[in-house]
Amino acid sequence: MYTLVIGNKNYSSWSLRGWLLLRQFQIGFDEIRLPLYSEIFSEKIKDYSPTGLVPTLVSGDLSIWDSLAICEYIAEQHPALHCWPEDVQARAIARSISSEMHSGFFQIRNLLPMNIRRHRAIDTISADLAKEIERVCDIWKSCRQFYKGDGDFLFGSFSIADVMYAPMVLRFKSYLIEVGESEAEYMQSMLALTSLQEWIDAALAEEEVIDLYEK
């Protein structure tokens, strides 16, 4: 049995990635929720994570921190689940766009922080922000065009690539970002997931407010 340490469900996009992977692939785990910027977070997080960040996956005596590292570990531990696409080319592209998500899109992260309770547009979209939004849409559109016949997700079947882009789906929904037809269909497929809806419902039930993310 795994233990996953996460932050607030309303705000913590990285926590969502680790959680959604386990829940969608029906891998059992215990959840420890430490509200971000709280006293209990400061007191407890270093018991699990050497970086002081979430998410962290505890597997026996081993702690795995960072969402993409958690995804890779779970994929290795559960090869029969095919957390990455089975096709070599699709898997390579999935890893590429997942790494791009992991290491980029700083304008979106800073200007459109995940806030599931929010439902209103921002006043101004800068050129740099628009460029990143366009890139996300291009990724979704190109993947869906190529793999649409194999299923409803980026590479047909649900994979780690969808896990990595799930917070983008929620951001685009919260900030009323306009997208094309193909991208909108993908967003609807993601939002229809029982696992993601479970996260959303829990996020909406939270009471903590973090001003940093209330832009």
N, C-alpha and C. Protein backbone atom coordinates (compact mmCIF):
# COMPACT_ATOMS: atom_id res chain seq x y z
N MET A 1 0.85 -1.20 0.00
CA MET A 1 0.00 0.00 0.00
C MET A 1 0.89 1.25 0.00
N TYR A 2 0.54 2.19 -0.82
CA TYR A 2 1.26 3.45 -0.90
C TYR A 2 0.60 4.49 0.01
N THR A 3 1.38 5.51 0.36
CA THR A 3 0.85 6.70 1.01
C THR A 3 1.23 7.90 0.16
N LEU A 4 0.27 8.75 -0.15
CA LEU A 4 0.52 9.94 -0.95
C LEU A 4 0.27 11.17 -0.10
N VAL A 5 1.28 12.01 -0.01
CA VAL A 5 1.19 13.25 0.75
C VAL A 5 0.92 14.39 -0.23
N ILE A 6 -0.17 15.10 0.01
CA ILE A 6 -0.59 16.15 -0.92
C ILE A 6 -0.89 17.44 -0.17
N GLY A 7 -1.09 18.52 -0.93
CA GLY A 7 -1.52 19.79 -0.38
C GLY A 7 -3.01 19.99 -0.60
N ASN A 8 -3.43 21.26 -0.62
CA ASN A 8 -4.84 21.59 -0.84
C ASN A 8 -5.30 21.12 -2.21
N LYS A 9 -6.47 20.55 -2.26
CA LYS A 9 -6.98 20.08 -3.55
C LYS A 9 -7.45 21.24 -4.43
N ASN A 10 -7.84 22.34 -3.83
CA ASN A 10 -8.25 23.48 -4.64
C ASN A 10 -7.08 24.13 -5.37
N TYR A 11 -5.91 24.11 -4.76
CA TYR A 11 -4.79 24.88 -5.28
C TYR A 11 -3.61 24.06 -5.80
N SER A 12 -3.38 22.89 -5.27
CA SER A 12 -2.11 22.20 -5.52
C SER A 12 -2.15 21.36 -6.80
N SER A 13 -1.68 21.96 -7.88
CA SER A 13 -1.70 21.28 -9.18
C SER A 13 -0.77 20.08 -9.22
N TRP A 14 0.38 20.19 -8.59
CA TRP A 14 1.32 19.06 -8.60
C TRP A 14 0.76 17.90 -7.79
N SER A 15 0.08 18.19 -6.68
CA SER A 15 -0.55 17.13 -5.90
C SER A 15 -1.59 16.39 -6.72
N LEU A 16 -2.36 17.14 -7.50
CA LEU A 16 -3.38 16.51 -8.35
C LEU A 16 -2.77 15.46 -9.26
N ARG A 17 -1.61 15.74 -9.80
CA ARG A 17 -1.01 14.80 -10.76
C ARG A 17 -0.73 13.44 -10.11
N GLY A 18 -0.10 13.46 -8.96
CA GLY A 18 0.18 12.19 -8.29
C GLY A 18 -1.08 11.46 -7.88
N TRP A 19 -2.04 12.21 -7.38
CA TRP A 19 -3.30 11.63 -6.90
C TRP A 19 -4.10 11.04 -8.05
N LEU A 20 -4.22 11.79 -9.16
CA LEU A 20 -5.02 11.33 -10.29
C LEU A 20 -4.44 10.07 -10.92
N LEU A 21 -3.13 10.00 -10.98
CA LEU A 21 -2.48 8.80 -11.51
C LEU A 21 -2.92 7.56 -10.74
N LEU A 22 -2.82 7.63 -9.43
CA LEU A 22 -3.16 6.48 -8.59
C LEU A 22 -4.65 6.16 -8.65
N ARG A 23 -5.46 7.18 -8.58
CA ARG A 23 -6.90 6.95 -8.54
C ARG A 23 -7.43 6.44 -9.89
N GLN A 24 -6.97 7.04 -10.98
CA GLN A 24 -7.49 6.64 -12.28
C GLN A 24 -7.06 5.22 -12.66
N PHE A 25 -5.86 4.83 -12.25
CA PHE A 25 -5.40 3.47 -12.52
C PHE A 25 -5.77 2.49 -11.41
N GLN A 26 -6.60 2.96 -10.48
CA GLN A 26 -7.16 2.11 -9.42
C GLN A 26 -6.07 1.42 -8.60
N ILE A 27 -5.09 2.21 -8.22
CA ILE A 27 -4.00 1.75 -7.36
C ILE A 27 -4.30 2.23 -5.94
N GLY A 28 -4.36 1.32 -5.00
CA GLY A 28 -4.72 1.68 -3.64
C GLY A 28 -3.67 2.54 -2.96
N PHE A 29 -4.13 3.51 -2.18
CA PHE A 29 -3.19 4.35 -1.42
C PHE A 29 -3.92 5.03 -0.28
N ASP A 30 -3.15 5.38 0.74
CA ASP A 30 -3.63 6.24 1.81
C ASP A 30 -3.25 7.67 1.48
N GLU A 31 -4.08 8.59 1.86
CA GLU A 31 -3.86 10.01 1.56
C GLU A 31 -3.57 10.79 2.83
N ILE A 32 -2.52 11.58 2.80
CA ILE A 32 -2.24 12.53 3.88
C ILE A 32 -2.29 13.92 3.27
N ARG A 33 -3.21 14.73 3.75
CA ARG A 33 -3.40 16.08 3.22
C ARG A 33 -2.84 17.09 4.21
N LEU A 34 -1.87 17.88 3.74
CA LEU A 34 -1.27 18.93 4.56
C LEU A 34 -1.55 20.26 3.88
N PRO A 35 -2.44 21.09 4.43
CA PRO A 35 -2.77 22.36 3.79
C PRO A 35 -1.52 23.24 3.60
N LEU A 36 -1.36 23.76 2.41
CA LEU A 36 -0.20 24.57 2.08
C LEU A 36 -0.13 25.81 2.96
N TYR A 37 1.09 26.21 3.32
CA TYR A 37 1.36 27.43 4.10
C TYR A 37 0.74 27.38 5.50
N SER A 38 0.42 26.19 5.98
CA SER A 38 -0.15 26.06 7.31
C SER A 38 0.92 25.62 8.30
N GLU A 39 0.61 25.74 9.57
CA GLU A 39 1.54 25.32 10.62
C GLU A 39 1.79 23.82 10.55
N ILE A 40 0.73 23.06 10.31
CA ILE A 40 0.90 21.60 10.26
C ILE A 40 1.74 21.19 9.05
N PHE A 41 1.62 21.94 7.95
CA PHE A 41 2.46 21.65 6.79
C PHE A 41 3.93 21.84 7.15
N SER A 42 4.24 22.95 7.79
CA SER A 42 5.63 23.23 8.18
C SER A 42 6.16 22.19 9.15
N GLU A 43 5.30 21.71 10.03
CA GLU A 43 5.71 20.74 11.04
C GLU A 43 5.92 19.35 10.47
N LYS A 44 5.10 18.96 9.50
CA LYS A 44 5.04 17.56 9.07
C LYS A 44 5.71 17.25 7.74
N ILE A 45 5.83 18.22 6.84
CA ILE A 45 6.22 17.88 5.48
C ILE A 45 7.61 17.25 5.39
N LYS A 46 8.54 17.70 6.22
CA LYS A 46 9.90 17.15 6.15
C LYS A 46 9.96 15.71 6.65
N ASP A 47 8.90 15.23 7.31
CA ASP A 47 8.84 13.82 7.68
C ASP A 47 8.69 12.94 6.45
N TYR A 48 8.23 13.54 5.36
CA TYR A 48 7.96 12.76 4.14
C TYR A 48 8.81 13.20 2.95
N SER A 49 9.06 14.50 2.84
CA SER A 49 9.70 15.03 1.64
C SER A 49 10.96 15.81 1.99
N PRO A 50 12.11 15.43 1.46
CA PRO A 50 13.35 16.16 1.74
C PRO A 50 13.35 17.56 1.14
N THR A 51 12.51 17.79 0.13
CA THR A 51 12.44 19.12 -0.49
C THR A 51 11.45 20.03 0.22
N GLY A 52 10.62 19.46 1.07
CA GLY A 52 9.58 20.26 1.70
C GLY A 52 8.44 20.60 0.77
N LEU A 53 8.29 19.82 -0.30
CA LEU A 53 7.26 20.07 -1.30
C LEU A 53 6.34 18.87 -1.46
N VAL A 54 5.17 19.10 -2.02
CA VAL A 54 4.24 18.03 -2.35
C VAL A 54 4.08 17.97 -3.87
N PRO A 55 3.72 16.78 -4.37
CA PRO A 55 3.38 15.55 -3.66
C PRO A 55 4.62 14.73 -3.34
N THR A 56 4.45 13.84 -2.40
CA THR A 56 5.45 12.82 -2.10
C THR A 56 4.74 11.48 -1.96
N LEU A 57 5.30 10.47 -2.60
CA LEU A 57 4.76 9.11 -2.51
C LEU A 57 5.64 8.30 -1.58
N VAL A 58 5.04 7.67 -0.59
CA VAL A 58 5.77 6.80 0.32
C VAL A 58 5.44 5.36 -0.04
N SER A 59 6.49 4.60 -0.33
CA SER A 59 6.35 3.18 -0.69
C SER A 59 7.29 2.39 0.20
N GLY A 60 6.76 1.82 1.26
CA GLY A 60 7.61 1.14 2.24
C GLY A 60 8.53 2.14 2.91
N ASP A 61 9.83 1.87 2.84
CA ASP A 61 10.82 2.77 3.42
C ASP A 61 11.28 3.84 2.44
N LEU A 62 10.72 3.84 1.26
CA LEU A 62 11.16 4.74 0.19
C LEU A 62 10.20 5.90 0.03
N SER A 63 10.75 7.10 -0.10
CA SER A 63 9.96 8.28 -0.44
C SER A 63 10.34 8.75 -1.84
N ILE A 64 9.33 9.00 -2.67
CA ILE A 64 9.57 9.51 -4.02
C ILE A 64 8.90 10.87 -4.10
N TRP A 65 9.68 11.90 -4.34
CA TRP A 65 9.12 13.24 -4.44
C TRP A 65 9.19 13.70 -5.90
N ASP A 66 8.38 14.67 -6.20
CA ASP A 66 8.22 15.23 -7.55
C ASP A 66 7.21 14.39 -8.34
N SER A 67 6.24 15.06 -8.92
CA SER A 67 5.12 14.36 -9.56
C SER A 67 5.54 13.48 -10.73
N LEU A 68 6.47 13.96 -11.56
CA LEU A 68 6.88 13.14 -12.70
C LEU A 68 7.67 11.93 -12.25
N ALA A 69 8.50 12.08 -11.22
CA ALA A 69 9.22 10.93 -10.67
C ALA A 69 8.24 9.90 -10.10
N ILE A 70 7.19 10.38 -9.46
CA ILE A 70 6.16 9.47 -8.94
C ILE A 70 5.50 8.72 -10.08
N CYS A 71 5.20 9.42 -11.15
CA CYS A 71 4.58 8.77 -12.32
C CYS A 71 5.48 7.69 -12.89
N GLU A 72 6.76 7.99 -13.02
CA GLU A 72 7.69 7.01 -13.57
C GLU A 72 7.82 5.80 -12.65
N TYR A 73 7.85 6.05 -11.35
CA TYR A 73 7.97 4.94 -10.39
C TYR A 73 6.75 4.03 -10.47
N ILE A 74 5.58 4.62 -10.50
CA ILE A 74 4.35 3.82 -10.57
C ILE A 74 4.29 3.05 -11.88
N ALA A 75 4.71 3.67 -12.97
CA ALA A 75 4.72 2.98 -14.27
C ALA A 75 5.65 1.77 -14.23
N GLU A 76 6.78 1.89 -13.54
CA GLU A 76 7.72 0.77 -13.42
C GLU A 76 7.18 -0.32 -12.51
N GLN A 77 6.51 0.07 -11.44
CA GLN A 77 6.01 -0.90 -10.47
C GLN A 77 4.76 -1.63 -10.97
N HIS A 78 4.05 -1.03 -11.92
CA HIS A 78 2.80 -1.61 -12.41
C HIS A 78 2.80 -1.63 -13.94
N PRO A 79 3.72 -2.37 -14.55
CA PRO A 79 3.84 -2.35 -16.01
C PRO A 79 2.58 -2.83 -16.73
N ALA A 80 1.82 -3.72 -16.12
CA ALA A 80 0.62 -4.25 -16.78
C ALA A 80 -0.46 -3.19 -16.97
N LEU A 81 -0.35 -2.08 -16.24
CA LEU A 81 -1.36 -1.02 -16.35
C LEU A 81 -1.12 -0.11 -17.55
N HIS A 82 0.08 -0.16 -18.11
CA HIS A 82 0.42 0.66 -19.28
C HIS A 82 0.14 2.15 -19.00
N CYS A 83 0.78 2.65 -17.98
CA CYS A 83 0.60 4.06 -17.62
C CYS A 83 1.11 4.99 -18.72
N TRP A 84 2.10 4.56 -19.46
CA TRP A 84 2.54 5.24 -20.67
C TRP A 84 1.94 4.51 -21.87
N PRO A 85 1.78 5.19 -23.01
CA PRO A 85 1.28 4.50 -24.21
C PRO A 85 2.15 3.30 -24.57
N GLU A 86 1.53 2.27 -25.09
CA GLU A 86 2.27 1.05 -25.44
C GLU A 86 3.13 1.24 -26.69
N ASP A 87 2.64 1.99 -27.66
CA ASP A 87 3.38 2.22 -28.90
C ASP A 87 4.64 3.03 -28.62
N VAL A 88 5.76 2.63 -29.21
CA VAL A 88 7.05 3.27 -28.94
C VAL A 88 7.03 4.75 -29.32
N GLN A 89 6.52 5.05 -30.50
CA GLN A 89 6.49 6.44 -30.95
C GLN A 89 5.55 7.28 -30.08
N ALA A 90 4.38 6.75 -29.80
CA ALA A 90 3.43 7.47 -28.95
C ALA A 90 4.02 7.69 -27.56
N ARG A 91 4.70 6.69 -27.04
CA ARG A 91 5.31 6.81 -25.71
C ARG A 91 6.39 7.88 -25.69
N ALA A 92 7.17 7.97 -26.75
CA ALA A 92 8.22 8.99 -26.83
C ALA A 92 7.61 10.39 -26.86
N ILE A 93 6.56 10.56 -27.63
CA ILE A 93 5.90 11.86 -27.70
C ILE A 93 5.24 12.19 -26.36
N ALA A 94 4.62 11.19 -25.75
CA ALA A 94 3.98 11.40 -24.45
C ALA A 94 4.99 11.84 -23.41
N ARG A 95 6.15 11.23 -23.43
CA ARG A 95 7.20 11.63 -22.48
C ARG A 95 7.69 13.05 -22.79
N SER A 96 7.77 13.38 -24.06
CA SER A 96 8.24 14.71 -24.45
C SER A 96 7.28 15.80 -23.98
N ILE A 97 5.99 15.61 -24.23
CA ILE A 97 5.05 16.66 -23.82
C ILE A 97 4.87 16.69 -22.31
N SER A 98 5.05 15.55 -21.65
CA SER A 98 4.98 15.53 -20.18
C SER A 98 6.15 16.27 -19.58
N SER A 99 7.33 16.08 -20.14
CA SER A 99 8.51 16.79 -19.67
C SER A 99 8.40 18.29 -19.95
N GLU A 100 7.82 18.62 -21.11
CA GLU A 100 7.60 20.03 -21.45
C GLU A 100 6.67 20.68 -20.42
N MET A 101 5.63 19.96 -20.04
CA MET A 101 4.72 20.47 -19.02
C MET A 101 5.43 20.62 -17.68
N HIS A 102 6.24 19.65 -17.35
CA HIS A 102 6.93 19.61 -16.07
C HIS A 102 7.92 20.75 -15.91
N SER A 103 8.55 21.16 -17.01
CA SER A 103 9.65 22.13 -16.92
C SER A 103 9.32 23.49 -17.52
N GLY A 104 8.11 23.67 -18.03
CA GLY A 104 7.80 24.92 -18.72
C GLY A 104 6.48 25.54 -18.30
N PHE A 105 5.97 26.40 -19.18
CA PHE A 105 4.68 27.08 -19.00
C PHE A 105 4.65 27.94 -17.73
N PHE A 106 5.71 28.73 -17.54
CA PHE A 106 5.81 29.54 -16.33
C PHE A 106 4.81 30.69 -16.30
N GLN A 107 4.46 31.22 -17.47
CA GLN A 107 3.46 32.29 -17.50
C GLN A 107 2.10 31.78 -17.02
N ILE A 108 1.73 30.60 -17.49
CA ILE A 108 0.46 30.02 -17.06
C ILE A 108 0.49 29.72 -15.57
N ARG A 109 1.57 29.16 -15.10
CA ARG A 109 1.66 28.82 -13.67
C ARG A 109 1.54 30.07 -12.80
N ASN A 110 2.23 31.14 -13.21
CA ASN A 110 2.27 32.35 -12.39
C ASN A 110 1.00 33.19 -12.50
N LEU A 111 0.45 33.27 -13.70
CA LEU A 111 -0.68 34.17 -13.94
C LEU A 111 -2.04 33.48 -13.87
N LEU A 112 -2.02 32.16 -14.05
CA LEU A 112 -3.26 31.38 -13.96
C LEU A 112 -3.09 30.24 -12.96
N PRO A 113 -2.82 30.56 -11.69
CA PRO A 113 -2.63 29.49 -10.70
C PRO A 113 -3.89 28.65 -10.57
N MET A 114 -3.71 27.36 -10.30
CA MET A 114 -4.89 26.50 -10.17
C MET A 114 -5.74 26.96 -9.00
N ASN A 115 -7.00 27.19 -9.28
CA ASN A 115 -7.97 27.59 -8.27
C ASN A 115 -9.33 27.09 -8.75
N ILE A 116 -9.69 25.91 -8.32
CA ILE A 116 -10.87 25.23 -8.84
C ILE A 116 -12.15 25.99 -8.51
N ARG A 117 -12.15 26.72 -7.40
CA ARG A 117 -13.35 27.49 -7.02
C ARG A 117 -13.61 28.67 -7.96
N ARG A 118 -12.58 29.13 -8.62
CA ARG A 118 -12.70 30.31 -9.47
C ARG A 118 -13.48 29.98 -10.74
N HIS A 119 -14.25 30.99 -11.22
CA HIS A 119 -14.93 30.83 -12.51
C HIS A 119 -15.12 32.22 -13.13
N ARG A 120 -14.01 32.82 -13.50
CA ARG A 120 -14.05 34.11 -14.18
C ARG A 120 -12.75 34.33 -14.93
N ALA A 121 -12.83 35.10 -16.00
CA ALA A 121 -11.66 35.36 -16.83
C ALA A 121 -10.75 36.39 -16.16
N ILE A 122 -9.49 36.40 -16.58
CA ILE A 122 -8.59 37.45 -16.13
C ILE A 122 -8.78 38.66 -17.03
N ASP A 123 -8.36 39.83 -16.54
CA ASP A 123 -8.61 41.07 -17.27
C ASP A 123 -7.80 41.15 -18.56
N THR A 124 -6.53 40.74 -18.49
CA THR A 124 -5.64 40.89 -19.64
C THR A 124 -4.81 39.64 -19.83
N ILE A 125 -4.70 39.20 -21.07
CA ILE A 125 -3.82 38.09 -21.42
C ILE A 125 -2.65 38.66 -22.21
N SER A 126 -1.47 38.63 -21.62
CA SER A 126 -0.28 39.17 -22.27
C SER A 126 0.13 38.31 -23.46
N ALA A 127 1.01 38.86 -24.27
CA ALA A 127 1.49 38.11 -25.44
C ALA A 127 2.21 36.84 -25.02
N ASP A 128 3.00 36.92 -23.95
CA ASP A 128 3.73 35.73 -23.49
C ASP A 128 2.77 34.67 -22.96
N LEU A 129 1.76 35.09 -22.23
CA LEU A 129 0.77 34.15 -21.72
C LEU A 129 -0.02 33.53 -22.87
N ALA A 130 -0.41 34.34 -23.82
CA ALA A 130 -1.15 33.84 -24.98
C ALA A 130 -0.34 32.81 -25.75
N LYS A 131 0.96 33.03 -25.83
CA LYS A 131 1.83 32.09 -26.54
C LYS A 131 1.84 30.73 -25.85
N GLU A 132 1.89 30.72 -24.52
CA GLU A 132 1.87 29.45 -23.79
C GLU A 132 0.52 28.76 -23.90
N ILE A 133 -0.55 29.53 -23.83
CA ILE A 133 -1.89 28.95 -23.99
C ILE A 133 -2.01 28.31 -25.37
N GLU A 134 -1.51 29.01 -26.38
CA GLU A 134 -1.56 28.48 -27.74
C GLU A 134 -0.76 27.19 -27.85
N ARG A 135 0.37 27.12 -27.17
CA ARG A 135 1.18 25.91 -27.21
C ARG A 135 0.44 24.73 -26.58
N VAL A 136 -0.20 24.94 -25.46
CA VAL A 136 -0.98 23.87 -24.83
C VAL A 136 -2.07 23.39 -25.79
N CYS A 137 -2.75 24.34 -26.39
CA CYS A 137 -3.82 23.98 -27.34
C CYS A 137 -3.27 23.21 -28.53
N ASP A 138 -2.10 23.61 -29.01
CA ASP A 138 -1.48 22.91 -30.14
C ASP A 138 -1.15 21.46 -29.77
N ILE A 139 -0.65 21.26 -28.55
CA ILE A 139 -0.34 19.91 -28.08
C ILE A 139 -1.60 19.06 -28.05
N TRP A 140 -2.63 19.59 -27.42
CA TRP A 140 -3.89 18.83 -27.33
C TRP A 140 -4.45 18.52 -28.71
N LYS A 141 -4.45 19.53 -29.57
CA LYS A 141 -5.05 19.37 -30.90
C LYS A 141 -4.29 18.34 -31.73
N SER A 142 -2.97 18.44 -31.74
CA SER A 142 -2.18 17.52 -32.56
C SER A 142 -2.29 16.08 -32.05
N CYS A 143 -2.26 15.90 -30.74
CA CYS A 143 -2.41 14.55 -30.19
C CYS A 143 -3.79 13.98 -30.49
N ARG A 144 -4.81 14.79 -30.32
CA ARG A 144 -6.16 14.30 -30.57
C ARG A 144 -6.39 13.98 -32.04
N GLN A 145 -5.83 14.79 -32.92
CA GLN A 145 -5.99 14.52 -34.35
C GLN A 145 -5.35 13.19 -34.73
N PHE A 146 -4.21 12.89 -34.15
CA PHE A 146 -3.47 11.69 -34.52
C PHE A 146 -4.01 10.44 -33.84
N TYR A 147 -4.46 10.57 -32.59
CA TYR A 147 -4.84 9.39 -31.81
C TYR A 147 -6.33 9.32 -31.49
N LYS A 148 -7.13 10.16 -32.11
CA LYS A 148 -8.56 10.21 -31.81
C LYS A 148 -9.25 8.87 -32.00
N GLY A 149 -8.81 8.11 -32.99
CA GLY A 149 -9.44 6.83 -33.26
C GLY A 149 -9.18 5.77 -32.20
N ASP A 150 -8.23 6.05 -31.30
CA ASP A 150 -7.86 5.06 -30.27
C ASP A 150 -8.52 5.32 -28.92
N GLY A 151 -9.25 6.42 -28.79
CA GLY A 151 -9.88 6.74 -27.52
C GLY A 151 -10.03 8.23 -27.33
N ASP A 152 -10.46 8.64 -26.14
CA ASP A 152 -10.84 10.03 -25.89
C ASP A 152 -9.73 10.90 -25.33
N PHE A 153 -8.55 10.33 -25.10
CA PHE A 153 -7.51 11.09 -24.41
C PHE A 153 -6.36 11.41 -25.36
N LEU A 154 -5.31 12.01 -24.85
CA LEU A 154 -4.26 12.52 -25.73
C LEU A 154 -3.67 11.46 -26.63
N PHE A 155 -3.50 10.26 -26.09
CA PHE A 155 -2.94 9.16 -26.89
C PHE A 155 -3.93 8.00 -26.98
N GLY A 156 -5.19 8.35 -27.01
CA GLY A 156 -6.25 7.34 -27.06
C GLY A 156 -6.65 6.93 -25.66
N SER A 157 -5.97 5.95 -25.11
CA SER A 157 -6.21 5.53 -23.72
C SER A 157 -5.60 6.54 -22.75
N PHE A 158 -6.18 6.63 -21.58
CA PHE A 158 -5.67 7.52 -20.53
C PHE A 158 -4.24 7.13 -20.19
N SER A 159 -3.37 8.14 -20.02
CA SER A 159 -1.96 7.87 -19.73
C SER A 159 -1.39 8.97 -18.83
N ILE A 160 -0.12 8.83 -18.52
CA ILE A 160 0.57 9.82 -17.70
C ILE A 160 0.52 11.20 -18.36
N ALA A 161 0.51 11.25 -19.68
CA ALA A 161 0.42 12.54 -20.36
C ALA A 161 -0.85 13.28 -19.95
N ASP A 162 -1.95 12.57 -19.83
CA ASP A 162 -3.20 13.20 -19.38
C ASP A 162 -3.11 13.64 -17.93
N VAL A 163 -2.43 12.85 -17.12
CA VAL A 163 -2.19 13.23 -15.73
C VAL A 163 -1.46 14.57 -15.67
N MET A 164 -0.44 14.71 -16.49
CA MET A 164 0.37 15.93 -16.46
C MET A 164 -0.40 17.16 -16.93
N TYR A 165 -1.36 16.97 -17.82
CA TYR A 165 -2.11 18.11 -18.35
C TYR A 165 -3.45 18.32 -17.66
N ALA A 166 -3.80 17.48 -16.71
CA ALA A 166 -5.07 17.64 -16.00
C ALA A 166 -5.21 19.02 -15.33
N PRO A 167 -4.17 19.52 -14.64
CA PRO A 167 -4.31 20.86 -14.05
C PRO A 167 -4.52 21.96 -15.09
N MET A 168 -3.99 21.76 -16.30
CA MET A 168 -4.23 22.74 -17.36
C MET A 168 -5.70 22.76 -17.75
N VAL A 169 -6.31 21.59 -17.80
CA VAL A 169 -7.74 21.52 -18.08
C VAL A 169 -8.52 22.32 -17.04
N LEU A 170 -8.18 22.15 -15.78
CA LEU A 170 -8.89 22.86 -14.72
C LEU A 170 -8.60 24.35 -14.75
N ARG A 171 -7.37 24.73 -15.07
CA ARG A 171 -7.06 26.16 -15.20
C ARG A 171 -7.86 26.79 -16.34
N PHE A 172 -7.87 26.15 -17.49
CA PHE A 172 -8.60 26.70 -18.62
C PHE A 172 -10.09 26.83 -18.30
N LYS A 173 -10.62 25.88 -17.56
CA LYS A 173 -12.02 25.96 -17.13
C LYS A 173 -12.24 27.11 -16.16
N SER A 174 -11.36 27.26 -15.19
CA SER A 174 -11.52 28.29 -14.16
C SER A 174 -11.41 29.70 -14.73
N TYR A 175 -10.48 29.89 -15.68
CA TYR A 175 -10.22 31.23 -16.23
C TYR A 175 -10.93 31.48 -17.55
N LEU A 176 -11.84 30.56 -17.92
CA LEU A 176 -12.68 30.73 -19.11
C LEU A 176 -11.84 30.95 -20.37
N ILE A 177 -10.78 30.16 -20.51
CA ILE A 177 -9.91 30.28 -21.68
C ILE A 177 -10.62 29.69 -22.90
N GLU A 178 -10.64 30.45 -23.98
CA GLU A 178 -11.28 29.99 -25.20
C GLU A 178 -10.36 29.01 -25.94
N VAL A 179 -10.92 27.88 -26.34
CA VAL A 179 -10.15 26.86 -27.05
C VAL A 179 -10.94 26.40 -28.26
N GLY A 180 -10.27 25.68 -29.15
CA GLY A 180 -10.92 25.15 -30.34
C GLY A 180 -11.78 23.93 -30.03
N GLU A 181 -12.45 23.45 -31.05
CA GLU A 181 -13.39 22.34 -30.87
C GLU A 181 -12.70 21.07 -30.38
N SER A 182 -11.56 20.74 -30.97
CA SER A 182 -10.84 19.53 -30.59
C SER A 182 -10.37 19.60 -29.14
N GLU A 183 -9.85 20.77 -28.76
CA GLU A 183 -9.37 20.95 -27.40
C GLU A 183 -10.53 20.91 -26.40
N ALA A 184 -11.66 21.51 -26.78
CA ALA A 184 -12.83 21.50 -25.91
C ALA A 184 -13.35 20.08 -25.68
N GLU A 185 -13.31 19.27 -26.72
CA GLU A 185 -13.74 17.87 -26.59
C GLU A 185 -12.81 17.12 -25.63
N TYR A 186 -11.52 17.40 -25.73
CA TYR A 186 -10.57 16.75 -24.82
C TYR A 186 -10.84 17.18 -23.38
N MET A 187 -11.07 18.47 -23.18
CA MET A 187 -11.36 18.95 -21.84
C MET A 187 -12.60 18.27 -21.27
N GLN A 188 -13.62 18.10 -22.08
CA GLN A 188 -14.83 17.45 -21.62
C GLN A 188 -14.58 15.99 -21.24
N SER A 189 -13.73 15.32 -22.02
CA SER A 189 -13.39 13.93 -21.69
C SER A 189 -12.69 13.84 -20.35
N MET A 190 -11.79 14.78 -20.09
CA MET A 190 -11.09 14.80 -18.81
C MET A 190 -12.05 15.12 -17.67
N LEU A 191 -12.88 16.13 -17.86
CA LEU A 191 -13.79 16.54 -16.79
C LEU A 191 -14.86 15.50 -16.51
N ALA A 192 -15.08 14.60 -17.44
CA ALA A 192 -16.06 13.52 -17.24
C ALA A 192 -15.51 12.36 -16.42
N LEU A 193 -14.20 12.35 -16.17
CA LEU A 193 -13.60 11.28 -15.38
C LEU A 193 -14.14 11.31 -13.95
N THR A 194 -14.59 10.17 -13.47
CA THR A 194 -15.08 10.08 -12.10
C THR A 194 -13.99 10.46 -11.10
N SER A 195 -12.77 10.06 -11.39
CA SER A 195 -11.65 10.36 -10.49
C SER A 195 -11.39 11.86 -10.41
N LEU A 196 -11.40 12.53 -11.55
CA LEU A 196 -11.15 13.98 -11.54
C LEU A 196 -12.32 14.71 -10.89
N GLN A 197 -13.52 14.25 -11.12
CA GLN A 197 -14.68 14.88 -10.48
C GLN A 197 -14.63 14.71 -8.97
N GLU A 198 -14.12 13.58 -8.52
CA GLU A 198 -13.95 13.36 -7.08
C GLU A 198 -13.00 14.39 -6.48
N TRP A 199 -11.91 14.66 -7.19
CA TRP A 199 -10.95 15.68 -6.74
C TRP A 199 -11.62 17.05 -6.72
N ILE A 200 -12.34 17.39 -7.77
CA ILE A 200 -13.01 18.69 -7.86
C ILE A 200 -13.99 18.87 -6.71
N ASP A 201 -14.79 17.86 -6.45
CA ASP A 201 -15.77 17.94 -5.37
C ASP A 201 -15.09 18.17 -4.02
N ALA A 202 -13.99 17.48 -3.79
CA ALA A 202 -13.25 17.66 -2.54
C ALA A 202 -12.64 19.05 -2.47
N ALA A 203 -12.16 19.55 -3.60
CA ALA A 203 -11.58 20.90 -3.64
C ALA A 203 -12.63 21.95 -3.30
N LEU A 204 -13.81 21.80 -3.84
CA LEU A 204 -14.88 22.77 -3.59
C LEU A 204 -15.36 22.74 -2.14
N ALA A 205 -15.11 21.63 -1.46
CA ALA A 205 -15.52 21.51 -0.06
C ALA A 205 -14.49 22.09 0.90
N GLU A 206 -13.30 22.38 0.40
CA GLU A 206 -12.26 22.94 1.27
C GLU A 206 -12.61 24.37 1.67
N GLU A 207 -12.10 24.78 2.83
CA GLU A 207 -12.41 26.11 3.34
C GLU A 207 -11.20 27.03 3.37
N GLU A 208 -10.00 26.48 3.22
CA GLU A 208 -8.81 27.33 3.27
C GLU A 208 -8.77 28.28 2.07
N VAL A 209 -8.31 29.49 2.32
CA VAL A 209 -8.11 30.48 1.26
C VAL A 209 -6.65 30.91 1.29
N ILE A 210 -5.98 30.78 0.16
CA ILE A 210 -4.58 31.20 0.04
C ILE A 210 -4.55 32.39 -0.91
N ASP A 211 -4.27 33.56 -0.38
CA ASP A 211 -4.34 34.80 -1.17
C ASP A 211 -3.43 34.76 -2.39
N LEU A 212 -2.30 34.08 -2.28
CA LEU A 212 -1.34 33.99 -3.38
C LEU A 212 -1.98 33.44 -4.64
N TYR A 213 -2.94 32.55 -4.47
CA TYR A 213 -3.58 31.90 -5.62
C TYR A 213 -4.93 32.50 -5.98
N GLU A 214 -5.31 33.56 -5.28
CA GLU A 214 -6.60 34.20 -5.54
C GLU A 214 -6.39 35.44 -6.41
N LYS A 215 -5.92 35.22 -7.62
CA LYS A 215 -5.62 36.34 -8.52
C LYS A 215 -6.83 36.68 -9.37
